[in-house]
Amino acid sequence: MTREYTIVITPEPDGGFTITVPALPGYVGFADIEEEALALAEEGIRFHIESLIAEGQPVPEEVEHPRILRLSVAA
């Protein structure tokens, strides 16, 4: 079965990238370069789903693409 998920790749101030998957809250990855982040995300999502299935947990499906918005706040 093929699933599709939105991933968020966030550049870190000290270098590298943090990878999150909004539909899979337990998944977080880190990579040094963006290309590596994509490969790690694919592998990590697959492992995360396999772990959920092995534990008898439901596998979340992405129902709607998340929106990322920018908000300016005076502080």
C-alpha atoms as a PDB file:
ATOM      1  CA  MET A   1       0.000   0.000   0.000  1.00  0.00           C
ATOM      2  CA  THR A   2       1.280   3.451  -0.852  1.00  0.00           C
ATOM      3  CA  ARG A   3       0.526   6.396   1.421  1.00  0.00           C
ATOM      4  CA  GLU A   4       1.235  10.061   0.859  1.00  0.00           C
ATOM      5  CA  TYR A   5       2.270  12.459   3.620  1.00  0.00           C
ATOM      6  CA  THR A   6       3.296  16.083   3.782  1.00  0.00           C
ATOM      7  CA  ILE A   7       6.718  16.540   5.356  1.00  0.00           C
ATOM      8  CA  VAL A   8       8.093  19.741   6.853  1.00  0.00           C
ATOM      9  CA  ILE A   9      11.825  20.334   6.509  1.00  0.00           C
ATOM     10  CA  THR A  10      12.927  23.134   8.827  1.00  0.00           C
ATOM     11  CA  PRO A  11      16.435  24.615   8.524  1.00  0.00           C
ATOM     12  CA  GLU A  12      18.172  24.794  11.896  1.00  0.00           C
ATOM     13  CA  PRO A  13      20.146  27.918  12.948  1.00  0.00           C
ATOM     14  CA  ASP A  14      23.324  25.907  13.574  1.00  0.00           C
ATOM     15  CA  GLY A  15      22.984  23.897  10.360  1.00  0.00           C
ATOM     16  CA  GLY A  16      21.086  20.846   9.293  1.00  0.00           C
ATOM     17  CA  PHE A  17      17.387  20.243   8.976  1.00  0.00           C
ATOM     18  CA  THR A  18      14.667  18.941  11.261  1.00  0.00           C
ATOM     19  CA  ILE A  19      12.032  16.792   9.579  1.00  0.00           C
ATOM     20  CA  THR A  20       8.480  16.477  10.884  1.00  0.00           C
ATOM     21  CA  VAL A  21       5.324  14.905   9.497  1.00  0.00           C
ATOM     22  CA  PRO A  22       2.166  16.651  10.717  1.00  0.00           C
ATOM     23  CA  ALA A  23       0.007  13.534  10.211  1.00  0.00           C
ATOM     24  CA  LEU A  24       2.502  11.406  12.207  1.00  0.00           C
ATOM     25  CA  PRO A  25       3.152  13.406  15.382  1.00  0.00           C
ATOM     26  CA  GLY A  26       5.619  10.870  16.770  1.00  0.00           C
ATOM     27  CA  TYR A  27       8.013  11.183  13.837  1.00  0.00           C
ATOM     28  CA  VAL A  28      10.941  13.612  14.001  1.00  0.00           C
ATOM     29  CA  GLY A  29      14.183  13.288  12.050  1.00  0.00           C
ATOM     30  CA  PHE A  30      17.358  15.295  11.567  1.00  0.00           C
ATOM     31  CA  ALA A  31      19.687  15.487   8.560  1.00  0.00           C
ATOM     32  CA  ASP A  32      22.725  17.529   7.619  1.00  0.00           C
ATOM     33  CA  ILE A  33      21.628  18.349   4.060  1.00  0.00           C
ATOM     34  CA  GLU A  34      18.228  18.732   2.417  1.00  0.00           C
ATOM     35  CA  GLU A  35      18.678  15.817  -0.008  1.00  0.00           C
ATOM     36  CA  GLU A  36      19.541  13.563   2.927  1.00  0.00           C
ATOM     37  CA  ALA A  37      16.440  14.843   4.738  1.00  0.00           C
ATOM     38  CA  LEU A  38      14.182  13.614   1.939  1.00  0.00           C
ATOM     39  CA  ALA A  39      15.713  10.125   1.975  1.00  0.00           C
ATOM     40  CA  LEU A  40      15.602   9.998   5.774  1.00  0.00           C
ATOM     41  CA  ALA A  41      11.960  11.092   5.782  1.00  0.00           C
ATOM     42  CA  GLU A  42      10.964   8.318   3.388  1.00  0.00           C
ATOM     43  CA  GLU A  43      12.812   5.669   5.375  1.00  0.00           C
ATOM     44  CA  GLY A  44      11.646   7.061   8.725  1.00  0.00           C
ATOM     45  CA  ILE A  45       7.991   7.261   7.713  1.00  0.00           C
ATOM     46  CA  ARG A  46       8.098   3.670   6.470  1.00  0.00           C
ATOM     47  CA  PHE A  47       9.647   2.491   9.755  1.00  0.00           C
ATOM     48  CA  HIS A  48       7.184   4.561  11.814  1.00  0.00           C
ATOM     49  CA  ILE A  49       4.216   3.010   9.970  1.00  0.00           C
ATOM     50  CA  GLU A  50       5.641  -0.505  10.331  1.00  0.00           C
ATOM     51  CA  SER A  51       6.060   0.093  14.077  1.00  0.00           C
ATOM     52  CA  LEU A  52       2.472   1.298  14.439  1.00  0.00           C
ATOM     53  CA  ILE A  53       1.184  -1.767  12.595  1.00  0.00           C
ATOM     54  CA  ALA A  54       3.348  -4.127  14.697  1.00  0.00           C
ATOM     55  CA  GLU A  55       1.942  -2.541  17.863  1.00  0.00           C
ATOM     56  CA  GLY A  56      -1.635  -2.876  16.607  1.00  0.00           C
ATOM     57  CA  GLN A  57      -2.019   0.906  16.437  1.00  0.00           C
ATOM     58  CA  PRO A  58      -3.960   2.664  13.677  1.00  0.00           C
ATOM     59  CA  VAL A  59      -1.909   4.286  10.922  1.00  0.00           C
ATOM     60  CA  PRO A  60      -2.946   7.927  10.516  1.00  0.00           C
ATOM     61  CA  GLU A  61      -3.852   9.035   7.011  1.00  0.00           C
ATOM     62  CA  GLU A  62      -3.372  12.585   5.862  1.00  0.00           C
ATOM     63  CA  VAL A  63      -6.908  13.761   5.184  1.00  0.00           C
ATOM     64  CA  GLU A  64      -6.080  17.300   4.193  1.00  0.00           C
ATOM     65  CA  HIS A  65      -2.764  18.958   3.396  1.00  0.00           C
ATOM     66  CA  PRO A  66      -1.588  21.088   6.319  1.00  0.00           C
ATOM     67  CA  ARG A  67      -1.183  24.801   5.721  1.00  0.00           C
ATOM     68  CA  ILE A  68       1.899  26.690   6.823  1.00  0.00           C
ATOM     69  CA  LEU A  69       1.242  30.365   7.419  1.00  0.00           C
ATOM     70  CA  ARG A  70       3.487  33.224   8.445  1.00  0.00           C
ATOM     71  CA  LEU A  71       2.236  35.500  11.207  1.00  0.00           C
ATOM     72  CA  SER A  72       3.889  38.732  12.384  1.00  0.00           C
ATOM     73  CA  VAL A  73       3.537  39.439  16.090  1.00  0.00           C
ATOM     74  CA  ALA A  74       4.676  42.632  17.794  1.00  0.00           C
ATOM     75  CA  ALA A  75       6.434  41.703  21.014  1.00  0.00           C
END
